[in-house]
């Protein structure tokens, strides 16, 4: 019977491919891009990534262009 594997978070979709170091770097980037950011216009935590470099605030309804993975101030 197979043993239980430890959790690999979002990089688990790659299985044993590409190496551990590449997958851990990918996990760090994906966790950073998926958290809600603080909106520079209203100051509340509601900014979410729509697509590459486009961020949308659910609180005030503004769209902001910034970095691809993480909002820069």
C-alpha atoms as a PDB file:
ATOM      1  CA  UNK A   1       0.000   0.000   0.000  1.00  0.00           C
ATOM      2  CA  UNK A   2       1.247   3.474  -0.851  1.00  0.00           C
ATOM      3  CA  UNK A   3       2.343   5.872   1.866  1.00  0.00           C
ATOM      4  CA  UNK A   4       0.673   9.214   2.384  1.00  0.00           C
ATOM      5  CA  UNK A   5       2.499  12.060   0.628  1.00  0.00           C
ATOM      6  CA  UNK A   6       3.046  15.475   2.179  1.00  0.00           C
ATOM      7  CA  UNK A   7       1.106  18.412   0.784  1.00  0.00           C
ATOM      8  CA  UNK A   8       2.700  20.262  -2.104  1.00  0.00           C
ATOM      9  CA  UNK A   9       0.208  23.151  -2.280  1.00  0.00           C
ATOM     10  CA  UNK A  10      -0.407  24.613  -5.739  1.00  0.00           C
ATOM     11  CA  UNK A  11       2.687  22.994  -7.308  1.00  0.00           C
ATOM     12  CA  UNK A  12       1.259  19.533  -6.689  1.00  0.00           C
ATOM     13  CA  UNK A  13      -0.216  19.608 -10.181  1.00  0.00           C
ATOM     14  CA  UNK A  14       3.295  19.073 -11.583  1.00  0.00           C
ATOM     15  CA  UNK A  15       3.963  15.874  -9.647  1.00  0.00           C
ATOM     16  CA  UNK A  16       7.647  14.914  -9.544  1.00  0.00           C
ATOM     17  CA  UNK A  17       8.594  17.002 -12.578  1.00  0.00           C
ATOM     18  CA  UNK A  18      10.748  20.178 -12.809  1.00  0.00           C
ATOM     19  CA  UNK A  19      12.606  19.786  -9.476  1.00  0.00           C
ATOM     20  CA  UNK A  20      11.907  20.843  -5.921  1.00  0.00           C
ATOM     21  CA  UNK A  21      13.558  24.264  -6.090  1.00  0.00           C
ATOM     22  CA  UNK A  22      11.519  25.397  -9.098  1.00  0.00           C
ATOM     23  CA  UNK A  23       8.289  24.194  -7.530  1.00  0.00           C
ATOM     24  CA  UNK A  24       8.965  25.962  -4.212  1.00  0.00           C
ATOM     25  CA  UNK A  25       9.681  29.230  -6.061  1.00  0.00           C
ATOM     26  CA  UNK A  26       6.421  28.802  -7.950  1.00  0.00           C
ATOM     27  CA  UNK A  27       4.519  28.264  -4.691  1.00  0.00           C
ATOM     28  CA  UNK A  28       5.948  31.516  -3.283  1.00  0.00           C
ATOM     29  CA  UNK A  29       4.938  33.532  -6.359  1.00  0.00           C
ATOM     30  CA  UNK A  30       1.431  32.046  -6.559  1.00  0.00           C
ATOM     31  CA  UNK A  31       0.723  32.620  -2.874  1.00  0.00           C
ATOM     32  CA  UNK A  32       1.835  36.235  -3.228  1.00  0.00           C
ATOM     33  CA  UNK A  33      -0.384  36.900  -6.247  1.00  0.00           C
ATOM     34  CA  UNK A  34      -3.526  35.323  -4.771  1.00  0.00           C
ATOM     35  CA  UNK A  35      -3.754  37.322  -1.543  1.00  0.00           C
ATOM     36  CA  UNK A  36      -5.869  40.469  -1.410  1.00  0.00           C
ATOM     37  CA  UNK A  37      -3.842  43.677  -1.565  1.00  0.00           C
ATOM     38  CA  UNK A  38      -4.483  47.102  -0.038  1.00  0.00           C
ATOM     39  CA  UNK A  39      -6.093  49.488  -2.525  1.00  0.00           C
ATOM     40  CA  UNK A  40      -4.116  52.727  -3.012  1.00  0.00           C
ATOM     41  CA  UNK A  41      -7.270  54.774  -3.711  1.00  0.00           C
ATOM     42  CA  UNK A  42      -9.602  53.716  -0.884  1.00  0.00           C
ATOM     43  CA  UNK A  43      -7.048  52.175   1.513  1.00  0.00           C
ATOM     44  CA  UNK A  44      -9.044  48.999   2.156  1.00  0.00           C
ATOM     45  CA  UNK A  45      -7.971  45.392   1.667  1.00  0.00           C
ATOM     46  CA  UNK A  46     -10.013  44.411  -1.364  1.00  0.00           C
ATOM     47  CA  UNK A  47      -7.722  44.577  -4.388  1.00  0.00           C
ATOM     48  CA  UNK A  48      -7.604  41.304  -6.299  1.00  0.00           C
ATOM     49  CA  UNK A  49      -5.729  40.233  -9.439  1.00  0.00           C
ATOM     50  CA  UNK A  50      -7.893  39.986 -12.571  1.00  0.00           C
ATOM     51  CA  UNK A  51      -5.199  39.120 -15.094  1.00  0.00           C
ATOM     52  CA  UNK A  52      -1.568  39.929 -15.850  1.00  0.00           C
ATOM     53  CA  UNK A  53      -0.888  43.359 -14.359  1.00  0.00           C
ATOM     54  CA  UNK A  54      -4.561  44.286 -13.891  1.00  0.00           C
ATOM     55  CA  UNK A  55      -5.946  44.621 -10.367  1.00  0.00           C
ATOM     56  CA  UNK A  56      -9.573  45.271  -9.338  1.00  0.00           C
ATOM     57  CA  UNK A  57     -10.858  46.690  -6.053  1.00  0.00           C
ATOM     58  CA  UNK A  58     -14.172  45.204  -4.961  1.00  0.00           C
ATOM     59  CA  UNK A  59     -14.726  47.964  -2.400  1.00  0.00           C
ATOM     60  CA  UNK A  60     -14.440  51.074  -4.617  1.00  0.00           C
ATOM     61  CA  UNK A  61     -14.741  49.439  -8.071  1.00  0.00           C
ATOM     62  CA  UNK A  62     -11.491  50.797  -9.551  1.00  0.00           C
ATOM     63  CA  UNK A  63      -9.154  48.965 -11.913  1.00  0.00           C
ATOM     64  CA  UNK A  64      -5.441  49.541 -11.456  1.00  0.00           C
ATOM     65  CA  UNK A  65      -2.467  48.570 -13.633  1.00  0.00           C
ATOM     66  CA  UNK A  66       0.654  47.483 -11.764  1.00  0.00           C
ATOM     67  CA  UNK A  67       3.150  44.622 -11.565  1.00  0.00           C
ATOM     68  CA  UNK A  68       2.196  41.172 -12.801  1.00  0.00           C
ATOM     69  CA  UNK A  69       2.311  39.144  -9.587  1.00  0.00           C
ATOM     70  CA  UNK A  70       2.252  41.633  -6.708  1.00  0.00           C
ATOM     71  CA  UNK A  71       0.956  45.179  -6.396  1.00  0.00           C
ATOM     72  CA  UNK A  72       3.633  47.882  -6.138  1.00  0.00           C
ATOM     73  CA  UNK A  73       2.916  51.142  -4.405  1.00  0.00           C
END
